[in-house]
Amino acid sequence: MRQACLIPTPSVRTRPSVSLKIFPPFAEFIDFGGASRHILTNDGTCRVVFKVKCSNNEVFKVSPVYAFLDPGGTTELQVLRREGPPKQDKLIILLKEAKKGDKDARVTFTDSTHTVHKYMLPLLTRIVEEQ
């Protein structure tokens, strides 16, 4: 008796509707200050709006704080650090779905009822000894 040969079907991997890639995945500074640039890429299938929150607004400044990203789109995130004592700091990037016609990222993020997705960008600071 012959048995049927079962061929496994490859699983189709679909992209999530809301997804973000951050490169590089962390920022490194010295305690005297500095700058770091990161590329945010919308790896999902829908337009998104994001908001960046920082654990230490006294030392760090971020630009942009709010923005839209179309599917496959990228934007540059700039992080500036002023001189100050190092501690464990981080950026939290909050992401929500956005409608195609939305124009103001701050309003869209505030008014949106969609689920919030969170991504973390560690902010590492090392002490440099003066000689």
N, C-alpha and C. Protein backbone atom coordinates (compact mmCIF):
# COMPACT_ATOMS: atom_id res chain seq x y z
N MET A 1 0.84 -1.18 0.00
CA MET A 1 0.00 0.00 0.00
C MET A 1 0.89 1.24 0.00
N ARG A 2 0.59 2.20 -0.87
CA ARG A 2 1.37 3.43 -0.97
C ARG A 2 0.79 4.50 -0.06
N GLN A 3 1.68 5.22 0.57
CA GLN A 3 1.25 6.33 1.40
C GLN A 3 1.40 7.64 0.62
N ALA A 4 0.52 8.54 0.87
CA ALA A 4 0.61 9.84 0.22
C ALA A 4 1.77 10.62 0.82
N CYS A 5 2.47 11.29 -0.03
CA CYS A 5 3.59 12.11 0.43
C CYS A 5 3.06 13.50 0.80
N LEU A 6 3.24 13.84 2.03
CA LEU A 6 2.78 15.16 2.47
C LEU A 6 3.92 16.15 2.36
N ILE A 7 3.71 17.15 1.57
CA ILE A 7 4.73 18.19 1.41
C ILE A 7 4.31 19.36 2.29
N PRO A 8 5.21 19.71 3.22
CA PRO A 8 4.85 20.84 4.08
C PRO A 8 4.76 22.13 3.27
N THR A 9 3.74 22.89 3.51
CA THR A 9 3.60 24.16 2.83
C THR A 9 4.36 25.22 3.61
N PRO A 10 5.13 26.01 2.91
CA PRO A 10 5.87 27.04 3.64
C PRO A 10 4.91 28.04 4.28
N SER A 11 5.24 28.43 5.49
CA SER A 11 4.38 29.40 6.16
C SER A 11 4.61 30.77 5.54
N VAL A 12 3.55 31.45 5.30
CA VAL A 12 3.63 32.78 4.72
C VAL A 12 3.77 33.76 5.87
N ARG A 13 4.87 34.47 5.87
CA ARG A 13 5.12 35.43 6.94
C ARG A 13 4.61 36.79 6.50
N THR A 14 3.65 37.29 7.24
CA THR A 14 3.11 38.60 6.90
C THR A 14 3.70 39.64 7.85
N ARG A 15 3.89 40.82 7.31
CA ARG A 15 4.41 41.90 8.14
C ARG A 15 3.30 42.41 9.05
N PRO A 16 3.65 42.75 10.28
CA PRO A 16 2.64 43.35 11.16
C PRO A 16 2.20 44.70 10.59
N SER A 17 0.99 45.12 10.93
CA SER A 17 0.50 46.38 10.40
C SER A 17 1.25 47.58 11.01
N VAL A 18 1.70 47.45 12.27
CA VAL A 18 2.46 48.52 12.91
C VAL A 18 3.78 47.92 13.39
N SER A 19 4.88 48.40 12.81
CA SER A 19 6.20 47.89 13.17
C SER A 19 7.24 48.97 12.88
N LEU A 20 8.28 49.04 13.72
CA LEU A 20 9.30 50.07 13.58
C LEU A 20 10.68 49.45 13.75
N LYS A 21 11.61 49.85 12.88
CA LYS A 21 13.01 49.46 13.02
C LYS A 21 13.80 50.71 13.37
N ILE A 22 14.74 50.56 14.30
CA ILE A 22 15.58 51.68 14.73
C ILE A 22 17.03 51.29 14.49
N PHE A 23 17.78 52.14 13.76
CA PHE A 23 19.19 51.87 13.52
C PHE A 23 20.00 53.13 13.70
N PRO A 24 21.07 53.10 14.46
CA PRO A 24 21.50 52.02 15.34
C PRO A 24 20.54 51.86 16.51
N PRO A 25 20.53 50.67 17.15
CA PRO A 25 19.54 50.37 18.19
C PRO A 25 19.82 50.97 19.56
N PHE A 26 20.89 51.76 19.70
CA PHE A 26 21.18 52.46 20.96
C PHE A 26 21.99 53.70 20.63
N ALA A 27 22.04 54.65 21.58
CA ALA A 27 22.82 55.87 21.42
C ALA A 27 23.90 55.88 22.49
N GLU A 28 25.12 56.27 22.10
CA GLU A 28 26.22 56.29 23.05
C GLU A 28 26.81 57.70 23.09
N PHE A 29 27.02 58.19 24.31
CA PHE A 29 27.54 59.54 24.53
C PHE A 29 28.65 59.50 25.56
N ILE A 30 29.38 60.61 25.68
CA ILE A 30 30.28 60.81 26.81
C ILE A 30 29.62 61.84 27.72
N ASP A 31 30.08 61.92 28.96
CA ASP A 31 29.42 62.80 29.92
C ASP A 31 29.54 64.29 29.59
N PHE A 32 30.45 64.66 28.66
CA PHE A 32 30.57 66.06 28.25
C PHE A 32 29.47 66.46 27.27
N GLY A 33 28.77 65.48 26.71
CA GLY A 33 27.71 65.76 25.76
C GLY A 33 28.01 65.18 24.40
N GLY A 34 27.15 65.47 23.44
CA GLY A 34 27.34 64.96 22.09
C GLY A 34 26.03 64.81 21.36
N ALA A 35 26.10 64.17 20.20
CA ALA A 35 24.92 63.97 19.36
C ALA A 35 24.92 62.56 18.80
N SER A 36 23.73 62.07 18.52
CA SER A 36 23.56 60.75 17.94
C SER A 36 22.40 60.82 16.95
N ARG A 37 22.57 60.19 15.78
CA ARG A 37 21.53 60.16 14.76
C ARG A 37 21.08 58.73 14.54
N HIS A 38 19.78 58.57 14.36
CA HIS A 38 19.19 57.25 14.19
C HIS A 38 18.19 57.31 13.05
N ILE A 39 18.07 56.20 12.33
CA ILE A 39 17.10 56.08 11.25
C ILE A 39 15.93 55.26 11.75
N LEU A 40 14.74 55.84 11.70
CA LEU A 40 13.51 55.13 12.04
C LEU A 40 12.86 54.71 10.74
N THR A 41 12.55 53.42 10.62
CA THR A 41 11.94 52.89 9.41
C THR A 41 10.61 52.24 9.75
N ASN A 42 9.56 52.64 9.04
CA ASN A 42 8.25 52.02 9.21
C ASN A 42 8.29 50.68 8.49
N ASP A 43 8.40 49.61 9.27
CA ASP A 43 8.50 48.26 8.72
C ASP A 43 7.13 47.60 8.61
N GLY A 44 6.08 48.34 8.92
CA GLY A 44 4.73 47.80 8.88
C GLY A 44 4.03 48.07 7.57
N THR A 45 2.74 47.78 7.57
CA THR A 45 1.96 47.92 6.34
C THR A 45 1.02 49.12 6.33
N CYS A 46 0.99 49.89 7.41
CA CYS A 46 0.10 51.05 7.45
C CYS A 46 0.88 52.31 7.83
N ARG A 47 0.28 53.44 7.54
CA ARG A 47 0.86 54.73 7.93
C ARG A 47 0.79 54.84 9.44
N VAL A 48 1.85 55.37 10.06
CA VAL A 48 1.88 55.50 11.51
C VAL A 48 2.25 56.93 11.91
N VAL A 49 1.91 57.25 13.15
CA VAL A 49 2.34 58.49 13.78
C VAL A 49 3.11 58.09 15.03
N PHE A 50 4.22 58.82 15.31
CA PHE A 50 4.97 58.48 16.51
C PHE A 50 5.21 59.71 17.38
N LYS A 51 5.46 59.41 18.65
CA LYS A 51 5.81 60.42 19.65
C LYS A 51 7.02 59.88 20.40
N VAL A 52 8.01 60.74 20.65
CA VAL A 52 9.21 60.33 21.37
C VAL A 52 9.18 60.93 22.76
N LYS A 53 9.35 60.06 23.78
CA LYS A 53 9.43 60.49 25.17
C LYS A 53 10.82 60.17 25.69
N CYS A 54 11.33 61.02 26.57
CA CYS A 54 12.68 60.84 27.11
C CYS A 54 12.63 60.76 28.63
N SER A 55 13.49 59.92 29.19
CA SER A 55 13.53 59.76 30.65
C SER A 55 14.26 60.92 31.34
N ASN A 56 14.95 61.78 30.57
CA ASN A 56 15.73 62.86 31.17
C ASN A 56 15.75 64.06 30.24
N ASN A 57 14.71 64.89 30.31
CA ASN A 57 14.62 66.06 29.44
C ASN A 57 15.55 67.20 29.86
N GLU A 58 16.16 67.10 31.04
CA GLU A 58 17.12 68.13 31.48
C GLU A 58 18.40 68.06 30.66
N VAL A 59 18.79 66.86 30.26
CA VAL A 59 20.08 66.65 29.58
C VAL A 59 19.89 66.38 28.09
N PHE A 60 18.82 65.69 27.70
CA PHE A 60 18.63 65.27 26.32
C PHE A 60 17.57 66.10 25.60
N LYS A 61 17.82 66.36 24.34
CA LYS A 61 16.86 67.00 23.44
C LYS A 61 16.71 66.10 22.21
N VAL A 62 15.47 65.94 21.75
CA VAL A 62 15.18 65.03 20.65
C VAL A 62 14.43 65.78 19.56
N SER A 63 14.76 65.44 18.30
CA SER A 63 14.06 66.03 17.17
C SER A 63 13.95 64.99 16.06
N PRO A 64 12.76 64.79 15.51
CA PRO A 64 11.46 65.35 15.87
C PRO A 64 10.85 64.61 17.06
N VAL A 65 9.92 65.27 17.73
CA VAL A 65 9.20 64.64 18.84
C VAL A 65 7.97 63.91 18.28
N TYR A 66 7.29 64.51 17.31
CA TYR A 66 6.13 63.91 16.65
C TYR A 66 6.40 63.87 15.14
N ALA A 67 5.95 62.79 14.49
CA ALA A 67 6.05 62.73 13.02
C ALA A 67 5.23 61.57 12.50
N PHE A 68 4.95 61.62 11.18
CA PHE A 68 4.28 60.53 10.48
C PHE A 68 5.32 59.72 9.72
N LEU A 69 5.03 58.44 9.51
CA LEU A 69 5.85 57.58 8.67
C LEU A 69 4.94 56.73 7.79
N ASP A 70 5.10 56.83 6.49
CA ASP A 70 4.36 55.98 5.56
C ASP A 70 4.98 54.59 5.55
N PRO A 71 4.26 53.58 5.08
CA PRO A 71 4.83 52.23 5.02
C PRO A 71 6.13 52.22 4.20
N GLY A 72 7.19 51.68 4.77
CA GLY A 72 8.49 51.65 4.12
C GLY A 72 9.26 52.95 4.23
N GLY A 73 8.64 53.99 4.77
CA GLY A 73 9.28 55.30 4.89
C GLY A 73 10.28 55.37 6.03
N THR A 74 11.19 56.32 5.93
CA THR A 74 12.20 56.52 6.98
C THR A 74 12.25 57.99 7.38
N THR A 75 12.76 58.23 8.56
CA THR A 75 13.04 59.58 9.03
C THR A 75 14.24 59.52 9.94
N GLU A 76 14.95 60.63 10.03
CA GLU A 76 16.12 60.70 10.91
C GLU A 76 15.69 61.25 12.27
N LEU A 77 16.12 60.58 13.32
CA LEU A 77 15.88 61.03 14.69
C LEU A 77 17.21 61.51 15.24
N GLN A 78 17.25 62.76 15.70
CA GLN A 78 18.48 63.30 16.25
C GLN A 78 18.34 63.45 17.76
N VAL A 79 19.35 62.98 18.48
CA VAL A 79 19.38 63.05 19.94
C VAL A 79 20.60 63.86 20.34
N LEU A 80 20.39 64.95 21.07
CA LEU A 80 21.48 65.79 21.57
C LEU A 80 21.58 65.63 23.08
N ARG A 81 22.83 65.54 23.59
CA ARG A 81 23.05 65.43 25.03
C ARG A 81 23.93 66.58 25.48
N ARG A 82 23.44 67.27 26.51
CA ARG A 82 24.25 68.31 27.14
C ARG A 82 25.11 67.68 28.21
N GLU A 83 26.07 68.43 28.71
CA GLU A 83 26.93 67.92 29.77
C GLU A 83 26.10 67.65 31.02
N GLY A 84 26.39 66.55 31.67
CA GLY A 84 25.67 66.19 32.88
C GLY A 84 26.08 64.82 33.36
N PRO A 85 25.74 64.51 34.60
CA PRO A 85 26.12 63.20 35.15
C PRO A 85 25.40 62.06 34.44
N PRO A 86 26.11 60.95 34.21
CA PRO A 86 25.47 59.82 33.54
C PRO A 86 24.52 59.08 34.46
N LYS A 87 23.47 58.56 33.88
CA LYS A 87 22.55 57.67 34.57
C LYS A 87 21.88 56.80 33.52
N GLN A 88 21.05 55.88 33.92
CA GLN A 88 20.39 55.00 32.96
C GLN A 88 19.21 55.73 32.32
N ASP A 89 19.46 56.25 31.12
CA ASP A 89 18.42 56.99 30.40
C ASP A 89 17.96 56.21 29.19
N LYS A 90 16.78 56.60 28.67
CA LYS A 90 16.23 55.92 27.49
C LYS A 90 15.23 56.83 26.81
N LEU A 91 15.02 56.53 25.52
CA LEU A 91 13.93 57.13 24.77
C LEU A 91 12.88 56.05 24.59
N ILE A 92 11.63 56.44 24.71
CA ILE A 92 10.52 55.56 24.40
C ILE A 92 9.83 56.15 23.18
N ILE A 93 9.71 55.35 22.13
CA ILE A 93 9.04 55.79 20.92
C ILE A 93 7.68 55.10 20.89
N LEU A 94 6.62 55.93 20.98
CA LEU A 94 5.25 55.43 20.98
C LEU A 94 4.71 55.54 19.56
N LEU A 95 4.08 54.48 19.08
CA LEU A 95 3.65 54.38 17.70
C LEU A 95 2.17 54.01 17.64
N LYS A 96 1.42 54.67 16.75
CA LYS A 96 0.00 54.38 16.53
C LYS A 96 -0.29 54.41 15.04
N GLU A 97 -1.36 53.75 14.64
CA GLU A 97 -1.81 53.85 13.26
C GLU A 97 -2.32 55.26 12.99
N ALA A 98 -2.15 55.71 11.75
CA ALA A 98 -2.62 57.04 11.35
C ALA A 98 -3.38 56.91 10.03
N LYS A 99 -4.32 57.84 9.82
CA LYS A 99 -5.08 57.86 8.57
C LYS A 99 -4.29 58.60 7.50
N LYS A 100 -4.57 58.28 6.27
CA LYS A 100 -3.86 58.88 5.15
C LYS A 100 -4.02 60.41 5.10
N GLY A 101 -5.19 60.91 5.47
CA GLY A 101 -5.44 62.34 5.39
C GLY A 101 -4.99 63.15 6.59
N ASP A 102 -4.49 62.53 7.64
CA ASP A 102 -4.05 63.26 8.84
C ASP A 102 -2.87 64.16 8.48
N LYS A 103 -2.91 65.40 9.00
CA LYS A 103 -1.87 66.39 8.67
C LYS A 103 -1.00 66.78 9.87
N ASP A 104 -1.58 66.84 11.07
CA ASP A 104 -0.86 67.29 12.26
C ASP A 104 -0.55 66.08 13.15
N ALA A 105 0.74 65.74 13.25
CA ALA A 105 1.14 64.53 13.98
C ALA A 105 0.79 64.61 15.46
N ARG A 106 0.95 65.78 16.07
CA ARG A 106 0.65 65.93 17.50
C ARG A 106 -0.85 65.70 17.76
N VAL A 107 -1.69 66.30 16.95
CA VAL A 107 -3.14 66.16 17.10
C VAL A 107 -3.56 64.71 16.83
N THR A 108 -3.02 64.12 15.78
CA THR A 108 -3.36 62.74 15.44
C THR A 108 -2.97 61.80 16.56
N PHE A 109 -1.78 61.99 17.12
CA PHE A 109 -1.33 61.09 18.18
C PHE A 109 -2.22 61.24 19.41
N THR A 110 -2.58 62.46 19.76
CA THR A 110 -3.40 62.72 20.94
C THR A 110 -4.82 62.22 20.76
N ASP A 111 -5.40 62.43 19.57
CA ASP A 111 -6.80 62.06 19.33
C ASP A 111 -7.01 60.59 18.99
N SER A 112 -5.98 59.93 18.53
CA SER A 112 -6.12 58.55 18.05
C SER A 112 -6.51 57.60 19.18
N THR A 113 -7.39 56.66 18.85
CA THR A 113 -7.80 55.66 19.83
C THR A 113 -7.13 54.32 19.57
N HIS A 114 -6.23 54.27 18.59
CA HIS A 114 -5.55 53.02 18.25
C HIS A 114 -4.61 52.57 19.37
N THR A 115 -4.27 51.30 19.35
CA THR A 115 -3.35 50.72 20.32
C THR A 115 -1.98 51.37 20.19
N VAL A 116 -1.35 51.62 21.33
CA VAL A 116 -0.01 52.20 21.35
C VAL A 116 1.01 51.07 21.37
N HIS A 117 1.97 51.16 20.45
CA HIS A 117 3.09 50.22 20.41
C HIS A 117 4.32 50.96 20.92
N LYS A 118 5.13 50.31 21.78
CA LYS A 118 6.28 50.97 22.39
C LYS A 118 7.58 50.35 21.92
N TYR A 119 8.55 51.22 21.64
CA TYR A 119 9.90 50.80 21.28
C TYR A 119 10.87 51.61 22.15
N MET A 120 11.95 50.96 22.57
CA MET A 120 12.91 51.62 23.46
C MET A 120 14.25 51.81 22.75
N LEU A 121 14.85 52.98 22.97
CA LEU A 121 16.19 53.29 22.48
C LEU A 121 17.03 53.64 23.70
N PRO A 122 17.93 52.73 24.14
CA PRO A 122 18.77 53.03 25.31
C PRO A 122 19.73 54.19 25.02
N LEU A 123 19.93 55.06 26.00
CA LEU A 123 20.85 56.17 25.91
C LEU A 123 22.01 55.89 26.87
N LEU A 124 23.14 55.48 26.34
CA LEU A 124 24.28 55.07 27.15
C LEU A 124 25.28 56.22 27.26
N THR A 125 25.73 56.49 28.48
CA THR A 125 26.70 57.57 28.71
C THR A 125 27.87 57.02 29.50
N ARG A 126 29.08 57.29 28.98
CA ARG A 126 30.27 56.86 29.72
C ARG A 126 31.04 58.07 30.19
N ILE A 127 31.72 57.90 31.30
CA ILE A 127 32.51 58.97 31.90
C ILE A 127 33.89 58.96 31.27
N VAL A 128 34.33 60.15 30.86
CA VAL A 128 35.66 60.30 30.29
C VAL A 128 36.49 61.08 31.30
N GLU A 129 37.60 60.47 31.72
CA GLU A 129 38.50 61.11 32.68
C GLU A 129 39.39 62.11 31.98
N GLU A 130 39.50 63.32 32.52
CA GLU A 130 40.41 64.33 31.97
C GLU A 130 41.82 64.01 32.44
N GLN A 131 42.80 64.23 31.56
CA GLN A 131 44.20 63.98 31.94
C GLN A 131 45.02 65.23 31.87
